[in-house]
Amino acid sequence: MADIETREDLAALVECFYKKLLSDHSISYLFTDVARINLPEHLPVLVDFWDMILFQADTYRKNVMQLHLALHAQSPLSDHHFETWLSYFKQTVDELFAGDKAELAKQRALSIATMMKIKMAQQTSTGTA
C-alpha cells in the first residue's frame, strides 16, 4: 500500500472519509443540517487544509478553529462527535494508505481534535464564541 504523496491522494482520502461520516446519522446532521455544507464545494477546501497540514502547501486560507467554534455555538460538539470523526479518519487512512505521511495524518488529526475539544470546552465555560 502506498503512502499519501499527492493532492490526488488527499482528495481520495477526503472523499472516502466524508462518505463514511455522512452515512453515520450520529454525526452527519452536523454537516447536512447545521453547517449545511455543499459537499462538492467543501471537499476541495478540505484537500487544501490537509495539503497544508501534511505538505506545508500554502493552500488553506480559512481559520479552521473559528469555523468549528461557530459550529459548536450552533450545535454543541460532544466527545462522541470527536471520537466518531477520529475513528472514521483513522479507519479511512488505514484502508487507503500506509507510510510516514499516513501516520502523520492520523497524528495531526488527533492533535487537531484535541485542541478543538479544549477550545470548545473553554468557549462553553466562558460563554464566549
N, C-alpha and C. Protein backbone atom coordinates (compact mmCIF):
# COMPACT_ATOMS: atom_id res chain seq x y z
N MET A 1 0.85 -1.18 0.00
CA MET A 1 0.00 0.00 0.00
C MET A 1 0.90 1.25 0.00
N ALA A 2 0.54 2.21 -0.80
CA ALA A 2 1.34 3.43 -0.95
C ALA A 2 1.03 4.43 0.16
N ASP A 3 1.92 5.36 0.35
CA ASP A 3 1.75 6.45 1.31
C ASP A 3 0.96 7.59 0.65
N ILE A 4 0.55 8.54 1.45
CA ILE A 4 -0.07 9.76 0.94
C ILE A 4 1.03 10.60 0.33
N GLU A 5 0.94 10.88 -0.97
CA GLU A 5 2.02 11.59 -1.64
C GLU A 5 1.57 12.81 -2.45
N THR A 6 0.30 12.88 -2.83
CA THR A 6 -0.16 13.92 -3.74
C THR A 6 -1.50 14.50 -3.30
N ARG A 7 -1.88 15.61 -3.93
CA ARG A 7 -3.22 16.17 -3.71
C ARG A 7 -4.30 15.17 -4.13
N GLU A 8 -4.01 14.40 -5.16
CA GLU A 8 -4.97 13.38 -5.61
C GLU A 8 -5.19 12.34 -4.50
N ASP A 9 -4.11 11.98 -3.82
CA ASP A 9 -4.23 11.07 -2.68
C ASP A 9 -5.09 11.69 -1.59
N LEU A 10 -4.85 12.97 -1.31
CA LEU A 10 -5.65 13.67 -0.30
C LEU A 10 -7.12 13.74 -0.71
N ALA A 11 -7.37 13.98 -1.99
CA ALA A 11 -8.75 14.03 -2.48
C ALA A 11 -9.44 12.68 -2.29
N ALA A 12 -8.73 11.60 -2.59
CA ALA A 12 -9.31 10.26 -2.40
C ALA A 12 -9.60 10.00 -0.92
N LEU A 13 -8.68 10.40 -0.06
CA LEU A 13 -8.86 10.24 1.38
C LEU A 13 -10.07 11.01 1.87
N VAL A 14 -10.13 12.28 1.52
CA VAL A 14 -11.22 13.14 1.99
C VAL A 14 -12.58 12.65 1.47
N GLU A 15 -12.64 12.27 0.21
CA GLU A 15 -13.90 11.80 -0.35
C GLU A 15 -14.39 10.53 0.34
N CYS A 16 -13.51 9.58 0.52
CA CYS A 16 -13.87 8.33 1.19
C CYS A 16 -14.26 8.58 2.65
N PHE A 17 -13.51 9.43 3.32
CA PHE A 17 -13.77 9.77 4.71
C PHE A 17 -15.15 10.42 4.86
N TYR A 18 -15.47 11.35 4.00
CA TYR A 18 -16.76 12.03 4.12
C TYR A 18 -17.93 11.13 3.76
N LYS A 19 -17.73 10.17 2.90
CA LYS A 19 -18.79 9.18 2.64
C LYS A 19 -19.13 8.44 3.92
N LYS A 20 -18.12 8.09 4.70
CA LYS A 20 -18.35 7.41 5.97
C LYS A 20 -19.07 8.33 6.95
N LEU A 21 -18.57 9.56 7.09
CA LEU A 21 -19.18 10.50 8.04
C LEU A 21 -20.64 10.77 7.70
N LEU A 22 -20.90 10.98 6.43
CA LEU A 22 -22.26 11.34 6.03
C LEU A 22 -23.23 10.17 6.05
N SER A 23 -22.71 8.96 6.17
CA SER A 23 -23.60 7.80 6.28
C SER A 23 -23.88 7.45 7.74
N ASP A 24 -23.24 8.14 8.67
CA ASP A 24 -23.44 7.90 10.10
C ASP A 24 -24.36 8.99 10.65
N HIS A 25 -25.57 8.61 10.98
CA HIS A 25 -26.57 9.59 11.40
C HIS A 25 -26.24 10.26 12.74
N SER A 26 -25.34 9.67 13.51
CA SER A 26 -24.99 10.28 14.79
C SER A 26 -24.12 11.52 14.62
N ILE A 27 -23.58 11.73 13.42
CA ILE A 27 -22.71 12.88 13.17
C ILE A 27 -23.08 13.62 11.89
N SER A 28 -23.72 12.96 10.95
CA SER A 28 -23.97 13.55 9.63
C SER A 28 -24.81 14.82 9.70
N TYR A 29 -25.72 14.90 10.67
CA TYR A 29 -26.58 16.08 10.77
C TYR A 29 -25.77 17.37 10.96
N LEU A 30 -24.59 17.25 11.58
CA LEU A 30 -23.76 18.45 11.75
C LEU A 30 -23.35 19.04 10.41
N PHE A 31 -23.12 18.17 9.44
CA PHE A 31 -22.70 18.60 8.11
C PHE A 31 -23.89 19.00 7.25
N THR A 32 -24.97 18.23 7.35
CA THR A 32 -26.11 18.45 6.46
C THR A 32 -27.11 19.47 6.99
N ASP A 33 -27.41 19.43 8.29
CA ASP A 33 -28.45 20.28 8.86
C ASP A 33 -27.92 21.54 9.55
N VAL A 34 -26.77 21.42 10.20
CA VAL A 34 -26.24 22.56 10.94
C VAL A 34 -25.32 23.40 10.05
N ALA A 35 -24.23 22.81 9.58
CA ALA A 35 -23.29 23.56 8.74
C ALA A 35 -23.81 23.71 7.31
N ARG A 36 -24.67 22.80 6.92
CA ARG A 36 -25.26 22.81 5.57
C ARG A 36 -24.19 22.92 4.48
N ILE A 37 -23.22 22.03 4.57
CA ILE A 37 -22.14 22.06 3.59
C ILE A 37 -22.63 21.63 2.22
N ASN A 38 -22.03 22.21 1.22
CA ASN A 38 -22.20 21.78 -0.15
C ASN A 38 -20.98 20.91 -0.43
N LEU A 39 -21.17 19.59 -0.43
CA LEU A 39 -20.03 18.68 -0.48
C LEU A 39 -19.11 18.91 -1.67
N PRO A 40 -19.62 19.09 -2.89
CA PRO A 40 -18.69 19.33 -4.00
C PRO A 40 -17.84 20.59 -3.81
N GLU A 41 -18.36 21.59 -3.12
CA GLU A 41 -17.58 22.80 -2.84
C GLU A 41 -16.67 22.62 -1.63
N HIS A 42 -17.12 21.82 -0.67
CA HIS A 42 -16.39 21.65 0.58
C HIS A 42 -15.17 20.74 0.44
N LEU A 43 -15.27 19.70 -0.36
CA LEU A 43 -14.17 18.74 -0.47
C LEU A 43 -12.85 19.38 -0.91
N PRO A 44 -12.83 20.25 -1.93
CA PRO A 44 -11.54 20.87 -2.30
C PRO A 44 -10.95 21.74 -1.18
N VAL A 45 -11.80 22.34 -0.36
CA VAL A 45 -11.33 23.13 0.78
C VAL A 45 -10.64 22.20 1.79
N LEU A 46 -11.23 21.04 1.99
CA LEU A 46 -10.63 20.06 2.91
C LEU A 46 -9.31 19.53 2.36
N VAL A 47 -9.25 19.33 1.06
CA VAL A 47 -7.99 18.91 0.45
C VAL A 47 -6.93 20.00 0.66
N ASP A 48 -7.32 21.25 0.49
CA ASP A 48 -6.40 22.37 0.75
C ASP A 48 -5.90 22.33 2.19
N PHE A 49 -6.80 22.07 3.12
CA PHE A 49 -6.43 22.03 4.54
C PHE A 49 -5.39 20.92 4.78
N TRP A 50 -5.68 19.72 4.31
CA TRP A 50 -4.75 18.61 4.55
C TRP A 50 -3.47 18.77 3.75
N ASP A 51 -3.54 19.44 2.63
CA ASP A 51 -2.33 19.74 1.86
C ASP A 51 -1.41 20.65 2.68
N MET A 52 -2.01 21.61 3.36
CA MET A 52 -1.25 22.49 4.23
C MET A 52 -0.69 21.71 5.43
N ILE A 53 -1.50 20.87 6.03
CA ILE A 53 -1.10 20.13 7.23
C ILE A 53 0.02 19.13 6.93
N LEU A 54 -0.09 18.41 5.82
CA LEU A 54 0.87 17.34 5.53
C LEU A 54 2.05 17.77 4.67
N PHE A 55 1.83 18.75 3.79
CA PHE A 55 2.87 19.11 2.82
C PHE A 55 3.28 20.58 2.91
N GLN A 56 2.80 21.29 3.94
CA GLN A 56 3.11 22.70 4.15
C GLN A 56 2.79 23.56 2.93
N ALA A 57 1.79 23.14 2.16
CA ALA A 57 1.37 23.92 0.99
C ALA A 57 0.66 25.19 1.48
N ASP A 58 0.74 26.22 0.69
CA ASP A 58 0.10 27.49 1.01
C ASP A 58 -1.27 27.53 0.33
N THR A 59 -2.14 26.61 0.73
CA THR A 59 -3.41 26.43 0.02
C THR A 59 -4.64 26.77 0.85
N TYR A 60 -4.56 26.69 2.16
CA TYR A 60 -5.74 26.86 3.01
C TYR A 60 -5.76 28.27 3.57
N ARG A 61 -6.87 28.95 3.44
CA ARG A 61 -6.97 30.37 3.81
C ARG A 61 -7.96 30.67 4.94
N LYS A 62 -8.60 29.66 5.48
CA LYS A 62 -9.63 29.91 6.49
C LYS A 62 -9.08 29.64 7.88
N ASN A 63 -9.83 30.06 8.89
CA ASN A 63 -9.48 29.78 10.28
C ASN A 63 -10.31 28.58 10.73
N VAL A 64 -9.69 27.41 10.66
CA VAL A 64 -10.42 26.17 10.94
C VAL A 64 -10.98 26.16 12.36
N MET A 65 -10.23 26.70 13.30
CA MET A 65 -10.70 26.71 14.69
C MET A 65 -11.93 27.59 14.82
N GLN A 66 -11.90 28.78 14.26
CA GLN A 66 -13.04 29.69 14.37
C GLN A 66 -14.29 29.10 13.72
N LEU A 67 -14.12 28.45 12.59
CA LEU A 67 -15.25 27.82 11.91
C LEU A 67 -15.90 26.75 12.80
N HIS A 68 -15.08 25.98 13.48
CA HIS A 68 -15.62 24.92 14.32
C HIS A 68 -16.16 25.45 15.64
N LEU A 69 -15.59 26.54 16.15
CA LEU A 69 -16.16 27.17 17.34
C LEU A 69 -17.55 27.73 17.02
N ALA A 70 -17.71 28.29 15.85
CA ALA A 70 -19.03 28.80 15.44
C ALA A 70 -20.02 27.65 15.29
N LEU A 71 -19.57 26.55 14.73
CA LEU A 71 -20.43 25.37 14.61
C LEU A 71 -20.84 24.87 15.99
N HIS A 72 -19.88 24.81 16.89
CA HIS A 72 -20.13 24.37 18.27
C HIS A 72 -21.15 25.27 18.95
N ALA A 73 -21.10 26.57 18.67
CA ALA A 73 -22.07 27.51 19.25
C ALA A 73 -23.48 27.23 18.73
N GLN A 74 -23.57 26.76 17.50
CA GLN A 74 -24.88 26.44 16.91
C GLN A 74 -25.42 25.11 17.43
N SER A 75 -24.56 24.12 17.50
CA SER A 75 -24.95 22.77 17.91
C SER A 75 -23.74 22.15 18.60
N PRO A 76 -23.78 22.03 19.92
CA PRO A 76 -22.59 21.58 20.65
C PRO A 76 -22.01 20.27 20.12
N LEU A 77 -20.70 20.29 19.97
CA LEU A 77 -19.96 19.10 19.55
C LEU A 77 -19.56 18.34 20.81
N SER A 78 -19.86 17.06 20.84
CA SER A 78 -19.61 16.24 22.02
C SER A 78 -18.38 15.36 21.83
N ASP A 79 -17.99 14.71 22.92
CA ASP A 79 -16.90 13.74 22.82
C ASP A 79 -17.23 12.68 21.77
N HIS A 80 -18.49 12.28 21.72
CA HIS A 80 -18.90 11.28 20.71
C HIS A 80 -18.58 11.77 19.30
N HIS A 81 -18.86 13.01 19.01
CA HIS A 81 -18.59 13.55 17.67
C HIS A 81 -17.10 13.48 17.34
N PHE A 82 -16.27 13.87 18.30
CA PHE A 82 -14.83 13.84 18.07
C PHE A 82 -14.32 12.40 17.92
N GLU A 83 -14.81 11.51 18.79
CA GLU A 83 -14.40 10.11 18.71
C GLU A 83 -14.82 9.49 17.39
N THR A 84 -16.03 9.80 16.94
CA THR A 84 -16.54 9.27 15.67
C THR A 84 -15.70 9.80 14.52
N TRP A 85 -15.46 11.11 14.51
CA TRP A 85 -14.66 11.74 13.46
C TRP A 85 -13.28 11.10 13.39
N LEU A 86 -12.62 10.97 14.54
CA LEU A 86 -11.28 10.39 14.59
C LEU A 86 -11.29 8.93 14.15
N SER A 87 -12.27 8.19 14.59
CA SER A 87 -12.35 6.78 14.24
C SER A 87 -12.47 6.59 12.73
N TYR A 88 -13.38 7.34 12.11
CA TYR A 88 -13.54 7.24 10.66
C TYR A 88 -12.30 7.73 9.92
N PHE A 89 -11.68 8.78 10.44
CA PHE A 89 -10.48 9.30 9.78
C PHE A 89 -9.37 8.25 9.80
N LYS A 90 -9.10 7.72 10.98
CA LYS A 90 -8.04 6.72 11.10
C LYS A 90 -8.35 5.48 10.26
N GLN A 91 -9.59 5.03 10.31
CA GLN A 91 -10.01 3.87 9.53
C GLN A 91 -9.79 4.12 8.04
N THR A 92 -10.16 5.29 7.57
CA THR A 92 -10.03 5.60 6.15
C THR A 92 -8.57 5.68 5.73
N VAL A 93 -7.74 6.34 6.54
CA VAL A 93 -6.31 6.40 6.24
C VAL A 93 -5.75 4.99 6.15
N ASP A 94 -6.07 4.15 7.14
CA ASP A 94 -5.53 2.79 7.18
C ASP A 94 -6.02 1.93 6.01
N GLU A 95 -7.23 2.20 5.53
CA GLU A 95 -7.75 1.44 4.39
C GLU A 95 -7.04 1.80 3.09
N LEU A 96 -6.62 3.07 2.97
CA LEU A 96 -6.10 3.56 1.70
C LEU A 96 -4.59 3.71 1.63
N PHE A 97 -3.94 3.94 2.78
CA PHE A 97 -2.53 4.32 2.75
C PHE A 97 -1.74 3.69 3.88
N ALA A 98 -0.44 3.63 3.68
CA ALA A 98 0.49 3.21 4.72
C ALA A 98 1.81 3.95 4.50
N GLY A 99 2.39 4.44 5.57
CA GLY A 99 3.66 5.14 5.45
C GLY A 99 3.75 6.31 6.41
N ASP A 100 4.82 7.06 6.28
CA ASP A 100 5.08 8.17 7.19
C ASP A 100 4.01 9.25 7.14
N LYS A 101 3.59 9.64 5.94
CA LYS A 101 2.57 10.69 5.81
C LYS A 101 1.23 10.20 6.32
N ALA A 102 0.92 8.93 6.10
CA ALA A 102 -0.34 8.37 6.62
C ALA A 102 -0.34 8.42 8.15
N GLU A 103 0.79 8.06 8.75
CA GLU A 103 0.89 8.12 10.21
C GLU A 103 0.83 9.56 10.69
N LEU A 104 1.49 10.46 9.98
CA LEU A 104 1.45 11.88 10.34
C LEU A 104 0.02 12.42 10.25
N ALA A 105 -0.72 12.02 9.23
CA ALA A 105 -2.11 12.47 9.09
C ALA A 105 -2.93 12.05 10.30
N LYS A 106 -2.77 10.82 10.75
CA LYS A 106 -3.53 10.35 11.91
C LYS A 106 -3.10 11.09 13.18
N GLN A 107 -1.80 11.34 13.32
CA GLN A 107 -1.31 12.10 14.49
C GLN A 107 -1.85 13.52 14.49
N ARG A 108 -1.82 14.14 13.32
CA ARG A 108 -2.31 15.53 13.22
C ARG A 108 -3.81 15.59 13.47
N ALA A 109 -4.55 14.61 12.99
CA ALA A 109 -6.00 14.57 13.23
C ALA A 109 -6.28 14.51 14.73
N LEU A 110 -5.54 13.68 15.43
CA LEU A 110 -5.71 13.58 16.88
C LEU A 110 -5.37 14.91 17.56
N SER A 111 -4.29 15.54 17.14
CA SER A 111 -3.90 16.83 17.72
C SER A 111 -4.96 17.90 17.45
N ILE A 112 -5.46 17.94 16.24
CA ILE A 112 -6.48 18.92 15.87
C ILE A 112 -7.74 18.70 16.70
N ALA A 113 -8.18 17.46 16.78
CA ALA A 113 -9.39 17.16 17.56
C ALA A 113 -9.19 17.52 19.03
N THR A 114 -8.03 17.22 19.58
CA THR A 114 -7.75 17.54 20.98
C THR A 114 -7.78 19.04 21.22
N MET A 115 -7.15 19.80 20.35
CA MET A 115 -7.16 21.26 20.50
C MET A 115 -8.57 21.83 20.36
N MET A 116 -9.33 21.30 19.43
CA MET A 116 -10.70 21.78 19.26
C MET A 116 -11.54 21.50 20.50
N LYS A 117 -11.39 20.30 21.06
CA LYS A 117 -12.13 19.97 22.28
C LYS A 117 -11.78 20.92 23.41
N ILE A 118 -10.50 21.23 23.56
CA ILE A 118 -10.06 22.15 24.62
C ILE A 118 -10.66 23.54 24.40
N LYS A 119 -10.57 24.04 23.17
CA LYS A 119 -11.10 25.38 22.87
C LYS A 119 -12.61 25.43 23.05
N MET A 120 -13.29 24.37 22.66
CA MET A 120 -14.75 24.34 22.79
C MET A 120 -15.16 24.26 24.26
N ALA A 121 -14.41 23.54 25.06
CA ALA A 121 -14.68 23.48 26.49
C ALA A 121 -14.48 24.86 27.12
N GLN A 122 -13.44 25.56 26.69
CA GLN A 122 -13.21 26.92 27.17
C GLN A 122 -14.35 27.84 26.76
N GLN A 123 -14.80 27.72 25.49
CA GLN A 123 -15.89 28.55 24.98
C GLN A 123 -17.15 28.28 25.80
N THR A 124 -17.42 27.02 26.09
CA THR A 124 -18.62 26.66 26.84
C THR A 124 -18.55 27.19 28.26
N SER A 125 -17.36 27.09 28.88
CA SER A 125 -17.24 27.52 30.29
C SER A 125 -17.27 29.03 30.44
N THR A 126 -16.83 29.75 29.41
CA THR A 126 -16.82 31.22 29.49
C THR A 126 -18.03 31.85 28.82
N GLY A 127 -18.73 31.04 28.01
CA GLY A 127 -19.89 31.57 27.30
C GLY A 127 -19.54 32.48 26.15
N THR A 128 -18.30 32.38 25.65
CA THR A 128 -17.89 33.23 24.53
C THR A 128 -17.71 32.40 23.27
N ALA A 129 -17.77 33.07 22.14
CA ALA A 129 -17.57 32.38 20.87
C ALA A 129 -16.20 32.67 20.33
